[in-house]
Amino acid sequence: MKIYCVSDSTDTRTGLRLAGIDGAVVGGEAEFHSEINKALDDKEIGILLISEKLAARYSEAVNEIKLSHPLPLVVEIPDRHGTGRREDFITGFVHEAIGIKI
């Protein structure tokens, strides 16, 4: 299975390309949907990496993919400037999901 990355940053694309991961840099909504559909149509792609900023911008489309397609696994990744999530993201997620505060 292959990994494919859709990002809004050429730096992210270049870094992942150096690791052997193919992908595309998109600037607008039409490009984003085109690349996502391309990845969904390619049955060899098992993991789809999407930069956090793009995933936040097109959250409705990303959530629809996560809910309706068993493959590829969609993973949101930070860009070179770091993540946009809070520091206690994991503990907050656990608390929200199962009600246990750790």
Protein backbone atom coordinates (compact mmCIF):
# COMPACT_ATOMS: atom_id res chain seq x y z
CA MET A 1 0.00 0.00 0.00
CA LYS A 2 1.08 3.53 -0.75
CA ILE A 3 0.94 6.76 1.21
CA TYR A 4 -0.22 9.95 -0.48
CA CYS A 5 -0.10 13.51 0.89
CA VAL A 6 -2.30 16.49 0.08
CA SER A 7 -0.86 19.69 1.50
CA ASP A 8 -0.99 23.45 1.12
CA SER A 9 2.76 23.75 1.74
CA THR A 10 5.57 23.03 -0.69
CA ASP A 11 7.87 22.48 2.30
CA THR A 12 5.67 19.64 3.59
CA ARG A 13 5.44 18.16 0.11
CA THR A 14 9.22 18.33 -0.37
CA GLY A 15 9.99 16.78 3.03
CA LEU A 16 7.63 13.90 2.47
CA ARG A 17 8.85 13.44 -1.08
CA LEU A 18 12.38 13.00 0.31
CA ALA A 19 10.94 10.20 2.45
CA GLY A 20 9.45 8.56 -0.65
CA ILE A 21 5.87 9.72 -0.14
CA ASP A 22 4.15 11.11 -3.22
CA GLY A 23 1.63 13.92 -3.03
CA ALA A 24 0.38 17.24 -4.27
CA VAL A 25 0.28 20.86 -3.19
CA VAL A 26 -3.13 22.46 -3.59
CA GLY A 27 -4.18 26.09 -3.47
CA GLY A 28 -7.92 26.09 -3.82
CA GLU A 29 -11.04 24.08 -3.20
CA ALA A 30 -11.29 22.67 -6.73
CA GLU A 31 -7.69 21.44 -6.59
CA PHE A 32 -8.27 19.95 -3.13
CA HIS A 33 -11.31 17.96 -4.23
CA SER A 34 -9.55 16.86 -7.43
CA GLU A 35 -6.55 15.49 -5.51
CA ILE A 36 -8.76 13.84 -2.88
CA ASN A 37 -10.83 12.12 -5.58
CA LYS A 38 -7.64 11.03 -7.32
CA ALA A 39 -6.42 9.46 -4.04
CA LEU A 40 -9.78 7.78 -3.38
CA ASP A 41 -9.83 6.28 -6.88
CA ASP A 42 -6.32 4.81 -6.50
CA LYS A 43 -6.89 1.52 -4.67
CA GLU A 44 -3.17 1.19 -3.88
CA ILE A 45 -3.28 4.21 -1.53
CA GLY A 46 -3.78 2.98 2.03
CA ILE A 47 -2.96 6.17 3.94
CA LEU A 48 -3.94 9.68 2.94
CA LEU A 49 -2.05 12.44 4.74
CA ILE A 50 -3.75 15.85 4.79
CA SER A 51 -2.16 18.93 6.35
CA GLU A 52 -4.04 20.20 9.41
CA LYS A 53 -4.74 23.59 7.83
CA LEU A 54 -6.35 22.00 4.78
CA ALA A 55 -8.30 19.55 6.92
CA ALA A 56 -9.63 22.45 9.01
CA ARG A 57 -10.50 24.49 5.91
CA TYR A 58 -12.37 21.60 4.28
CA SER A 59 -13.46 19.79 7.44
CA GLU A 60 -16.85 18.77 6.06
CA ALA A 61 -15.27 16.97 3.09
CA VAL A 62 -12.58 15.36 5.26
CA ASN A 63 -15.13 14.10 7.78
CA GLU A 64 -17.27 12.68 4.97
CA ILE A 65 -14.26 10.75 3.65
CA LYS A 66 -13.43 9.41 7.12
CA LEU A 67 -17.00 8.23 7.68
CA SER A 68 -17.80 6.77 4.28
CA HIS A 69 -14.54 5.22 3.06
CA PRO A 70 -12.79 2.38 4.91
CA LEU A 71 -9.64 3.08 2.89
CA PRO A 72 -7.57 5.12 2.73
CA LEU A 73 -6.97 5.91 6.37
CA VAL A 74 -7.03 9.72 6.65
CA VAL A 75 -4.38 11.23 8.91
CA GLU A 76 -4.10 14.95 9.61
CA ILE A 77 -0.49 16.08 9.91
CA PRO A 78 1.04 19.38 11.08
CA ASP A 79 3.20 21.42 8.76
CA ARG A 80 6.71 22.61 9.51
CA HIS A 81 5.37 25.42 11.72
CA GLY A 82 3.89 22.91 14.15
CA THR A 83 0.44 21.83 15.08
CA GLY A 84 -2.55 24.07 15.60
CA ARG A 85 -3.91 21.88 18.38
CA ARG A 86 -3.86 22.65 22.09
CA GLU A 87 -1.13 21.15 24.23
CA ASP A 88 -3.60 18.94 26.10
CA PHE A 89 -5.29 17.71 22.92
CA ILE A 90 -4.94 14.00 23.74
CA THR A 91 -6.17 14.23 27.33
CA GLY A 92 -9.04 16.47 26.24
CA PHE A 93 -9.94 14.00 23.51
CA VAL A 94 -10.00 11.09 25.98
CA HIS A 95 -12.10 13.09 28.43
CA GLU A 96 -14.56 14.07 25.70
CA ALA A 97 -14.76 10.56 24.25
CA ILE A 98 -15.16 8.45 27.39
CA GLY A 99 -15.62 10.92 30.23
CA ILE A 100 -12.45 10.11 32.13
CA LYS A 101 -10.14 12.94 33.10
CA ILE A 102 -6.51 11.85 33.12
